[in-house]
PDB file of all heavy atoms in Angstrom:
ATOM      1  N   TYR A   1       0.855  -1.181   0.000  1.00  0.00           N
ATOM      2  CA  TYR A   1       0.000   0.000   0.000  1.00  0.00           C
ATOM      3  C   TYR A   1       0.899   1.241   0.000  1.00  0.00           C
ATOM      4  O   TYR A   1       1.119   1.889   1.032  1.00  0.00           O
ATOM      5  CB  TYR A   1      -0.948   0.013   1.195  1.00  0.00           C
ATOM      6  CG  TYR A   1      -1.871   1.208   1.143  1.00  0.00           C
ATOM      7  CD1 TYR A   1      -2.895   1.259   0.204  1.00  0.00           C
ATOM      8  CD2 TYR A   1      -1.694   2.301   1.975  1.00  0.00           C
ATOM      9  CE1 TYR A   1      -3.721   2.365   0.107  1.00  0.00           C
ATOM     10  CE2 TYR A   1      -2.511   3.412   1.888  1.00  0.00           C
ATOM     11  CZ  TYR A   1      -3.521   3.446   0.949  1.00  0.00           C
ATOM     12  OH  TYR A   1      -4.322   4.551   0.842  1.00  0.00           O
ATOM     13  N   GLY A   2       1.463   1.546  -1.156  1.00  0.00           N
ATOM     14  CA  GLY A   2       2.359   2.676  -1.315  1.00  0.00           C
ATOM     15  C   GLY A   2       2.615   2.921  -2.779  1.00  0.00           C
ATOM     16  O   GLY A   2       2.083   2.228  -3.658  1.00  0.00           O
ATOM     17  N   ASN A   3       3.455   3.901  -3.048  1.00  0.00           N
ATOM     18  CA  ASN A   3       3.838   4.162  -4.438  1.00  0.00           C
ATOM     19  C   ASN A   3       4.728   3.059  -4.985  1.00  0.00           C
ATOM     20  O   ASN A   3       4.722   2.781  -6.180  1.00  0.00           O
ATOM     21  CB  ASN A   3       4.558   5.512  -4.537  1.00  0.00           C
ATOM     22  CG  ASN A   3       3.653   6.678  -4.210  1.00  0.00           C
ATOM     23  OD1 ASN A   3       2.571   6.800  -4.763  1.00  0.00           O
ATOM     24  ND2 ASN A   3       4.085   7.527  -3.279  1.00  0.00           N
ATOM     25  N   TYR A   4       5.509   2.461  -4.095  1.00  0.00           N
ATOM     26  CA  TYR A   4       6.417   1.381  -4.469  1.00  0.00           C
ATOM     27  C   TYR A   4       6.376   0.321  -3.380  1.00  0.00           C
ATOM     28  O   TYR A   4       5.979   0.587  -2.242  1.00  0.00           O
ATOM     29  CB  TYR A   4       7.860   1.891  -4.615  1.00  0.00           C
ATOM     30  CG  TYR A   4       8.024   3.019  -5.592  1.00  0.00           C
ATOM     31  CD1 TYR A   4       8.046   4.337  -5.164  1.00  0.00           C
ATOM     32  CD2 TYR A   4       8.155   2.757  -6.966  1.00  0.00           C
ATOM     33  CE1 TYR A   4       8.182   5.379  -6.062  1.00  0.00           C
ATOM     34  CE2 TYR A   4       8.299   3.797  -7.876  1.00  0.00           C
ATOM     35  CZ  TYR A   4       8.312   5.103  -7.420  1.00  0.00           C
ATOM     36  OH  TYR A   4       8.448   6.130  -8.316  1.00  0.00           O
ATOM     37  N   THR A   5       6.812  -0.885  -3.724  1.00  0.00           N
ATOM     38  CA  THR A   5       7.047  -1.889  -2.700  1.00  0.00           C
ATOM     39  C   THR A   5       8.324  -1.519  -1.952  1.00  0.00           C
ATOM     40  O   THR A   5       9.053  -0.606  -2.328  1.00  0.00           O
ATOM     41  CB  THR A   5       7.201  -3.298  -3.304  1.00  0.00           C
ATOM     42  OG1 THR A   5       8.455  -3.381  -3.998  1.00  0.00           O
ATOM     43  CG2 THR A   5       6.060  -3.620  -4.253  1.00  0.00           C
ATOM     44  N   CYS A   6       8.604  -2.244  -0.886  1.00  0.00           N
ATOM     45  CA  CYS A   6       9.805  -1.942  -0.102  1.00  0.00           C
ATOM     46  C   CYS A   6      11.078  -2.085  -0.931  1.00  0.00           C
ATOM     47  O   CYS A   6      12.070  -1.404  -0.677  1.00  0.00           O
ATOM     48  CB  CYS A   6       9.866  -2.847   1.124  1.00  0.00           C
ATOM     49  SG  CYS A   6       8.484  -2.617   2.277  1.00  0.00           S
ATOM     50  N   ALA A   7      11.054  -2.936  -1.947  1.00  0.00           N
ATOM     51  CA  ALA A   7      12.218  -3.134  -2.812  1.00  0.00           C
ATOM     52  C   ALA A   7      12.156  -2.285  -4.076  1.00  0.00           C
ATOM     53  O   ALA A   7      13.011  -2.425  -4.958  1.00  0.00           O
ATOM     54  CB  ALA A   7      12.349  -4.610  -3.183  1.00  0.00           C
ATOM     55  N   GLY A   8      11.163  -1.403  -4.182  1.00  0.00           N
ATOM     56  CA  GLY A   8      11.131  -0.461  -5.292  1.00  0.00           C
ATOM     57  C   GLY A   8      10.338  -0.884  -6.510  1.00  0.00           C
ATOM     58  O   GLY A   8      10.442  -0.248  -7.569  1.00  0.00           O
ATOM     59  N   TYR A   9       9.506  -1.907  -6.389  1.00  0.00           N
ATOM     60  CA  TYR A   9       8.653  -2.346  -7.492  1.00  0.00           C
ATOM     61  C   TYR A   9       7.322  -1.591  -7.429  1.00  0.00           C
ATOM     62  O   TYR A   9       7.039  -0.913  -6.444  1.00  0.00           O
ATOM     63  CB  TYR A   9       8.464  -3.857  -7.428  1.00  0.00           C
ATOM     64  CG  TYR A   9       9.737  -4.613  -7.743  1.00  0.00           C
ATOM     65  CD1 TYR A   9      10.697  -4.860  -6.755  1.00  0.00           C
ATOM     66  CD2 TYR A   9      10.003  -5.059  -9.041  1.00  0.00           C
ATOM     67  CE1 TYR A   9      11.882  -5.538  -7.047  1.00  0.00           C
ATOM     68  CE2 TYR A   9      11.178  -5.737  -9.341  1.00  0.00           C
ATOM     69  CZ  TYR A   9      12.110  -5.970  -8.341  1.00  0.00           C
ATOM     70  OH  TYR A   9      13.282  -6.623  -8.643  1.00  0.00           O
ATOM     71  N   PRO A  10       6.483  -1.692  -8.449  1.00  0.00           N
ATOM     72  CA  PRO A  10       5.249  -0.892  -8.465  1.00  0.00           C
ATOM     73  C   PRO A  10       4.359  -1.165  -7.258  1.00  0.00           C
ATOM     74  O   PRO A  10       4.048  -2.321  -6.938  1.00  0.00           O
ATOM     75  CB  PRO A  10       4.559  -1.329  -9.770  1.00  0.00           C
ATOM     76  CG  PRO A  10       5.675  -1.778 -10.648  1.00  0.00           C
ATOM     77  CD  PRO A  10       6.666  -2.428  -9.718  1.00  0.00           C
ATOM     78  N   GLY A  11       3.933  -0.081  -6.587  1.00  0.00           N
ATOM     79  CA  GLY A  11       3.007  -0.194  -5.479  1.00  0.00           C
ATOM     80  C   GLY A  11       1.566  -0.163  -5.963  1.00  0.00           C
ATOM     81  O   GLY A  11       1.288  -0.021  -7.156  1.00  0.00           O
ATOM     82  N   ILE A  12       0.654  -0.260  -4.991  1.00  0.00           N
ATOM     83  CA  ILE A  12      -0.753  -0.440  -5.340  1.00  0.00           C
ATOM     84  C   ILE A  12      -1.522   0.877  -5.429  1.00  0.00           C
ATOM     85  O   ILE A  12      -2.628   0.912  -5.978  1.00  0.00           O
ATOM     86  CB  ILE A  12      -1.408  -1.375  -4.299  1.00  0.00           C
ATOM     87  CG1 ILE A  12      -2.605  -2.119  -4.896  1.00  0.00           C
ATOM     88  CG2 ILE A  12      -1.820  -0.598  -3.049  1.00  0.00           C
ATOM     89  CD1 ILE A  12      -3.119  -3.226  -4.000  1.00  0.00           C
ATOM     90  N   LEU A  13      -0.944   1.974  -4.924  1.00  0.00           N
ATOM     91  CA  LEU A  13      -1.669   3.238  -4.915  1.00  0.00           C
ATOM     92  C   LEU A  13      -2.068   3.660  -6.326  1.00  0.00           C
ATOM     93  O   LEU A  13      -1.262   3.622  -7.256  1.00  0.00           O
ATOM     94  CB  LEU A  13      -0.822   4.333  -4.263  1.00  0.00           C
ATOM     95  CG  LEU A  13      -0.681   4.270  -2.742  1.00  0.00           C
ATOM     96  CD1 LEU A  13       0.120   5.462  -2.230  1.00  0.00           C
ATOM     97  CD2 LEU A  13      -2.037   4.221  -2.056  1.00  0.00           C
ATOM     98  N   GLY A  14      -3.333   4.044  -6.446  1.00  0.00           N
ATOM     99  CA  GLY A  14      -3.868   4.417  -7.743  1.00  0.00           C
ATOM    100  C   GLY A  14      -4.369   3.249  -8.560  1.00  0.00           C
ATOM    101  O   GLY A  14      -4.914   3.440  -9.653  1.00  0.00           O
ATOM    102  N   HIS A  15      -4.206   2.024  -8.030  1.00  0.00           N
ATOM    103  CA  HIS A  15      -4.571   0.818  -8.795  1.00  0.00           C
ATOM    104  C   HIS A  15      -5.274  -0.205  -7.917  1.00  0.00           C
ATOM    105  O   HIS A  15      -5.241  -1.401  -8.219  1.00  0.00           O
ATOM    106  CB  HIS A  15      -3.314   0.188  -9.412  1.00  0.00           C
ATOM    107  CG  HIS A  15      -2.526   1.099 -10.304  1.00  0.00           C
ATOM    108  ND1 HIS A  15      -2.804   1.252 -11.643  1.00  0.00           N
ATOM    109  CD2 HIS A  15      -1.485   1.915 -10.025  1.00  0.00           C
ATOM    110  CE1 HIS A  15      -1.941   2.113 -12.174  1.00  0.00           C
ATOM    111  NE2 HIS A  15      -1.138   2.539 -11.216  1.00  0.00           N
ATOM    112  N   LEU A  16      -5.914   0.239  -6.850  1.00  0.00           N
ATOM    113  CA  LEU A  16      -6.459  -0.722  -5.891  1.00  0.00           C
ATOM    114  C   LEU A  16      -7.482  -1.660  -6.523  1.00  0.00           C
ATOM    115  O   LEU A  16      -7.399  -2.887  -6.363  1.00  0.00           O
ATOM    116  CB  LEU A  16      -7.091   0.008  -4.703  1.00  0.00           C
ATOM    117  CG  LEU A  16      -6.147   0.412  -3.570  1.00  0.00           C
ATOM    118  CD1 LEU A  16      -5.190   1.504  -4.008  1.00  0.00           C
ATOM    119  CD2 LEU A  16      -6.932   0.864  -2.341  1.00  0.00           C
ATOM    120  N   GLN A  17      -8.440  -1.114  -7.244  1.00  0.00           N
ATOM    121  CA  GLN A  17      -9.461  -1.961  -7.847  1.00  0.00           C
ATOM    122  C   GLN A  17      -8.871  -2.835  -8.937  1.00  0.00           C
ATOM    123  O   GLN A  17      -9.197  -4.025  -9.036  1.00  0.00           O
ATOM    124  CB  GLN A  17     -10.597  -1.111  -8.400  1.00  0.00           C
ATOM    125  CG  GLN A  17     -11.757  -1.933  -8.927  1.00  0.00           C
ATOM    126  CD  GLN A  17     -12.964  -1.096  -9.300  1.00  0.00           C
ATOM    127  OE1 GLN A  17     -12.865   0.123  -9.417  1.00  0.00           O
ATOM    128  NE2 GLN A  17     -14.114  -1.730  -9.478  1.00  0.00           N
ATOM    129  N   THR A  18      -7.996  -2.269  -9.750  1.00  0.00           N
ATOM    130  CA  THR A  18      -7.357  -3.044 -10.822  1.00  0.00           C
ATOM    131  C   THR A  18      -6.578  -4.220 -10.267  1.00  0.00           C
ATOM    132  O   THR A  18      -6.677  -5.346 -10.775  1.00  0.00           O
ATOM    133  CB  THR A  18      -6.423  -2.138 -11.639  1.00  0.00           C
ATOM    134  OG1 THR A  18      -7.181  -1.109 -12.261  1.00  0.00           O
ATOM    135  CG2 THR A  18      -5.686  -2.940 -12.712  1.00  0.00           C
ATOM    136  N   ASP A  19      -5.820  -3.970  -9.207  1.00  0.00           N
ATOM    137  CA  ASP A  19      -4.999  -5.049  -8.652  1.00  0.00           C
ATOM    138  C   ASP A  19      -5.851  -6.112  -7.968  1.00  0.00           C
ATOM    139  O   ASP A  19      -5.551  -7.316  -8.052  1.00  0.00           O
ATOM    140  CB  ASP A  19      -3.982  -4.482  -7.673  1.00  0.00           C
ATOM    141  CG  ASP A  19      -2.870  -3.698  -8.379  1.00  0.00           C
ATOM    142  OD1 ASP A  19      -2.861  -3.686  -9.627  1.00  0.00           O
ATOM    143  OD2 ASP A  19      -2.037  -3.099  -7.695  1.00  0.00           O
ATOM    144  N   ALA A  20      -6.925  -5.709  -7.314  1.00  0.00           N
ATOM    145  CA  ALA A  20      -7.816  -6.700  -6.708  1.00  0.00           C
ATOM    146  C   ALA A  20      -8.406  -7.608  -7.779  1.00  0.00           C
ATOM    147  O   ALA A  20      -8.455  -8.842  -7.618  1.00  0.00           O
ATOM    148  CB  ALA A  20      -8.922  -6.007  -5.922  1.00  0.00           C
ATOM    149  N   LEU A  21      -8.839  -7.022  -8.885  1.00  0.00           N
ATOM    150  CA  LEU A  21      -9.388  -7.812  -9.981  1.00  0.00           C
ATOM    151  C   LEU A  21      -8.322  -8.700 -10.617  1.00  0.00           C
ATOM    152  O   LEU A  21      -8.588  -9.855 -10.977  1.00  0.00           O
ATOM    153  CB  LEU A  21     -10.004  -6.886 -11.032  1.00  0.00           C
ATOM    154  CG  LEU A  21     -11.296  -6.177 -10.614  1.00  0.00           C
ATOM    155  CD1 LEU A  21     -11.645  -5.079 -11.622  1.00  0.00           C
ATOM    156  CD2 LEU A  21     -12.442  -7.170 -10.502  1.00  0.00           C
ATOM    157  N   THR A  22      -7.120  -8.169 -10.743  1.00  0.00           N
ATOM    158  CA  THR A  22      -6.023  -8.959 -11.306  1.00  0.00           C
ATOM    159  C   THR A  22      -5.722 -10.171 -10.436  1.00  0.00           C
ATOM    160  O   THR A  22      -5.564 -11.296 -10.944  1.00  0.00           O
ATOM    161  CB  THR A  22      -4.757  -8.090 -11.437  1.00  0.00           C
ATOM    162  OG1 THR A  22      -5.028  -6.993 -12.307  1.00  0.00           O
ATOM    163  CG2 THR A  22      -3.591  -8.895 -11.998  1.00  0.00           C
ATOM    164  N   PHE A  23      -5.646  -9.958  -9.130  1.00  0.00           N
ATOM    165  CA  PHE A  23      -5.369 -11.077  -8.229  1.00  0.00           C
ATOM    166  C   PHE A  23      -6.465 -12.131  -8.321  1.00  0.00           C
ATOM    167  O   PHE A  23      -6.187 -13.342  -8.314  1.00  0.00           O
ATOM    168  CB  PHE A  23      -5.226 -10.573  -6.795  1.00  0.00           C
ATOM    169  CG  PHE A  23      -4.057  -9.656  -6.564  1.00  0.00           C
ATOM    170  CD1 PHE A  23      -4.039  -8.797  -5.479  1.00  0.00           C
ATOM    171  CD2 PHE A  23      -2.968  -9.642  -7.423  1.00  0.00           C
ATOM    172  CE1 PHE A  23      -2.963  -7.943  -5.257  1.00  0.00           C
ATOM    173  CE2 PHE A  23      -1.886  -8.795  -7.215  1.00  0.00           C
ATOM    174  CZ  PHE A  23      -1.890  -7.940  -6.133  1.00  0.00           C
ATOM    175  N   ALA A  24      -7.695 -11.682  -8.387  1.00  0.00           N
ATOM    176  CA  ALA A  24      -8.796 -12.645  -8.515  1.00  0.00           C
ATOM    177  C   ALA A  24      -8.692 -13.406  -9.824  1.00  0.00           C
ATOM    178  O   ALA A  24      -8.896 -14.630  -9.858  1.00  0.00           O
ATOM    179  CB  ALA A  24     -10.133 -11.910  -8.422  1.00  0.00           C
ATOM    180  N   ASP A  25      -8.385 -12.712 -10.918  1.00  0.00           N
ATOM    181  CA  ASP A  25      -8.235 -13.375 -12.214  1.00  0.00           C
ATOM    182  C   ASP A  25      -7.113 -14.405 -12.190  1.00  0.00           C
ATOM    183  O   ASP A  25      -7.194 -15.434 -12.880  1.00  0.00           O
ATOM    184  CB  ASP A  25      -7.948 -12.340 -13.314  1.00  0.00           C
ATOM    185  CG  ASP A  25      -9.153 -11.480 -13.634  1.00  0.00           C
ATOM    186  OD1 ASP A  25     -10.276 -11.850 -13.237  1.00  0.00           O
ATOM    187  OD2 ASP A  25      -8.971 -10.425 -14.283  1.00  0.00           O
ATOM    188  N   TRP A  26      -6.086 -14.142 -11.425  1.00  0.00           N
ATOM    189  CA  TRP A  26      -4.953 -15.060 -11.337  1.00  0.00           C
ATOM    190  C   TRP A  26      -5.195 -16.229 -10.380  1.00  0.00           C
ATOM    191  O   TRP A  26      -4.353 -17.115 -10.245  1.00  0.00           O
ATOM    192  CB  TRP A  26      -3.708 -14.304 -10.883  1.00  0.00           C
ATOM    193  CG  TRP A  26      -3.082 -13.434 -11.950  1.00  0.00           C
ATOM    194  CD1 TRP A  26      -3.317 -13.485 -13.290  1.00  0.00           C
ATOM    195  CD2 TRP A  26      -2.123 -12.388 -11.741  1.00  0.00           C
ATOM    196  NE1 TRP A  26      -2.561 -12.537 -13.936  1.00  0.00           N
ATOM    197  CE2 TRP A  26      -1.814 -11.850 -13.015  1.00  0.00           C
ATOM    198  CE3 TRP A  26      -1.494 -11.853 -10.619  1.00  0.00           C
ATOM    199  CZ2 TRP A  26      -0.899 -10.817 -13.184  1.00  0.00           C
ATOM    200  CZ3 TRP A  26      -0.582 -10.826 -10.782  1.00  0.00           C
ATOM    201  CH2 TRP A  26      -0.287 -10.308 -12.054  1.00  0.00           C
ATOM    202  N   GLY A  27      -6.314 -16.234  -9.676  1.00  0.00           N
ATOM    203  CA  GLY A  27      -6.600 -17.324  -8.744  1.00  0.00           C
ATOM    204  C   GLY A  27      -5.863 -17.214  -7.430  1.00  0.00           C
ATOM    205  O   GLY A  27      -5.567 -18.229  -6.788  1.00  0.00           O
ATOM    206  N   VAL A  28      -5.582 -15.992  -6.993  1.00  0.00           N
ATOM    207  CA  VAL A  28      -4.879 -15.772  -5.732  1.00  0.00           C
ATOM    208  C   VAL A  28      -5.809 -16.090  -4.553  1.00  0.00           C
ATOM    209  O   VAL A  28      -6.999 -15.782  -4.575  1.00  0.00           O
ATOM    210  CB  VAL A  28      -4.375 -14.314  -5.659  1.00  0.00           C
ATOM    211  CG1 VAL A  28      -3.886 -13.969  -4.262  1.00  0.00           C
ATOM    212  CG2 VAL A  28      -3.270 -14.077  -6.685  1.00  0.00           C
ATOM    213  N   ASP A  29      -5.226 -16.703  -3.513  1.00  0.00           N
ATOM    214  CA  ASP A  29      -5.987 -17.075  -2.318  1.00  0.00           C
ATOM    215  C   ASP A  29      -5.602 -16.262  -1.087  1.00  0.00           C
ATOM    216  O   ASP A  29      -6.305 -16.309  -0.071  1.00  0.00           O
ATOM    217  CB  ASP A  29      -5.751 -18.555  -1.986  1.00  0.00           C
ATOM    218  CG  ASP A  29      -6.065 -19.469  -3.151  1.00  0.00           C
ATOM    219  OD1 ASP A  29      -7.235 -19.534  -3.550  1.00  0.00           O
ATOM    220  OD2 ASP A  29      -5.118 -20.098  -3.671  1.00  0.00           O
ATOM    221  N   TYR A  30      -4.485 -15.542  -1.159  1.00  0.00           N
ATOM    222  CA  TYR A  30      -3.915 -14.880   0.019  1.00  0.00           C
ATOM    223  C   TYR A  30      -3.145 -13.665  -0.474  1.00  0.00           C
ATOM    224  O   TYR A  30      -2.326 -13.784  -1.394  1.00  0.00           O
ATOM    225  CB  TYR A  30      -2.987 -15.873   0.716  1.00  0.00           C
ATOM    226  CG  TYR A  30      -2.186 -15.394   1.900  1.00  0.00           C
ATOM    227  CD1 TYR A  30      -2.536 -15.749   3.200  1.00  0.00           C
ATOM    228  CD2 TYR A  30      -1.018 -14.649   1.727  1.00  0.00           C
ATOM    229  CE1 TYR A  30      -1.767 -15.359   4.293  1.00  0.00           C
ATOM    230  CE2 TYR A  30      -0.246 -14.246   2.819  1.00  0.00           C
ATOM    231  CZ  TYR A  30      -0.622 -14.609   4.090  1.00  0.00           C
ATOM    232  OH  TYR A  30       0.137 -14.224   5.166  1.00  0.00           O
ATOM    233  N   VAL A  31      -3.433 -12.497   0.086  1.00  0.00           N
ATOM    234  CA  VAL A  31      -2.759 -11.269  -0.322  1.00  0.00           C
ATOM    235  C   VAL A  31      -2.064 -10.653   0.879  1.00  0.00           C
ATOM    236  O   VAL A  31      -2.700 -10.363   1.901  1.00  0.00           O
ATOM    237  CB  VAL A  31      -3.744 -10.247  -0.914  1.00  0.00           C
ATOM    238  CG1 VAL A  31      -3.007  -8.953  -1.290  1.00  0.00           C
ATOM    239  CG2 VAL A  31      -4.443 -10.821  -2.143  1.00  0.00           C
ATOM    240  N   LYS A  32      -0.758 -10.461   0.770  1.00  0.00           N
ATOM    241  CA  LYS A  32       0.021  -9.743   1.776  1.00  0.00           C
ATOM    242  C   LYS A  32       0.249  -8.328   1.268  1.00  0.00           C
ATOM    243  O   LYS A  32       0.862  -8.125   0.221  1.00  0.00           O
ATOM    244  CB  LYS A  32       1.357 -10.444   2.019  1.00  0.00           C
ATOM    245  CG  LYS A  32       2.270  -9.708   3.004  1.00  0.00           C
ATOM    246  CD  LYS A  32       3.593 -10.449   3.159  1.00  0.00           C
ATOM    247  CE  LYS A  32       4.558  -9.667   4.055  1.00  0.00           C
ATOM    248  NZ  LYS A  32       5.861 -10.381   4.187  1.00  0.00           N
ATOM    249  N   LEU A  33      -0.242  -7.343   2.029  1.00  0.00           N
ATOM    250  CA  LEU A  33      -0.132  -5.950   1.618  1.00  0.00           C
ATOM    251  C   LEU A  33       0.759  -5.202   2.600  1.00  0.00           C
ATOM    252  O   LEU A  33       0.379  -4.936   3.731  1.00  0.00           O
ATOM    253  CB  LEU A  33      -1.513  -5.294   1.548  1.00  0.00           C
ATOM    254  CG  LEU A  33      -1.573  -3.926   0.864  1.00  0.00           C
ATOM    255  CD1 LEU A  33      -1.190  -4.045  -0.614  1.00  0.00           C
ATOM    256  CD2 LEU A  33      -2.972  -3.318   0.988  1.00  0.00           C
ATOM    257  N   ASP A  34       1.966  -4.868   2.137  1.00  0.00           N
ATOM    258  CA  ASP A  34       2.964  -4.168   2.930  1.00  0.00           C
ATOM    259  C   ASP A  34       2.634  -2.677   2.989  1.00  0.00           C
ATOM    260  O   ASP A  34       1.581  -2.248   2.507  1.00  0.00           O
ATOM    261  CB  ASP A  34       4.346  -4.417   2.314  1.00  0.00           C
ATOM    262  CG  ASP A  34       5.452  -4.470   3.358  1.00  0.00           C
ATOM    263  OD1 ASP A  34       5.298  -3.845   4.428  1.00  0.00           O
ATOM    264  OD2 ASP A  34       6.487  -5.119   3.096  1.00  0.00           O
ATOM    265  N   GLY A  35       3.541  -1.856   3.560  1.00  0.00           N
ATOM    266  CA  GLY A  35       3.212  -0.449   3.742  1.00  0.00           C
ATOM    267  C   GLY A  35       4.341   0.527   3.515  1.00  0.00           C
ATOM    268  O   GLY A  35       4.280   1.657   4.009  1.00  0.00           O
ATOM    269  N   CYS A  36       5.371   0.130   2.759  1.00  0.00           N
ATOM    270  CA  CYS A  36       6.452   1.058   2.452  1.00  0.00           C
ATOM    271  C   CYS A  36       5.964   2.154   1.496  1.00  0.00           C
ATOM    272  O   CYS A  36       5.005   1.963   0.749  1.00  0.00           O
ATOM    273  CB  CYS A  36       7.630   0.326   1.817  1.00  0.00           C
ATOM    274  SG  CYS A  36       8.571  -0.722   2.950  1.00  0.00           S
TER     275      CYS A  36
END
């Protein structure tokens, strides 16, 4: 939940709904959301 992940990869801000739908499409069962 930031502009970037702790290691500098794309964060979820601005894409919350898109990423939730993407995870569901991929068959994800568990989501860990960090805060960097």
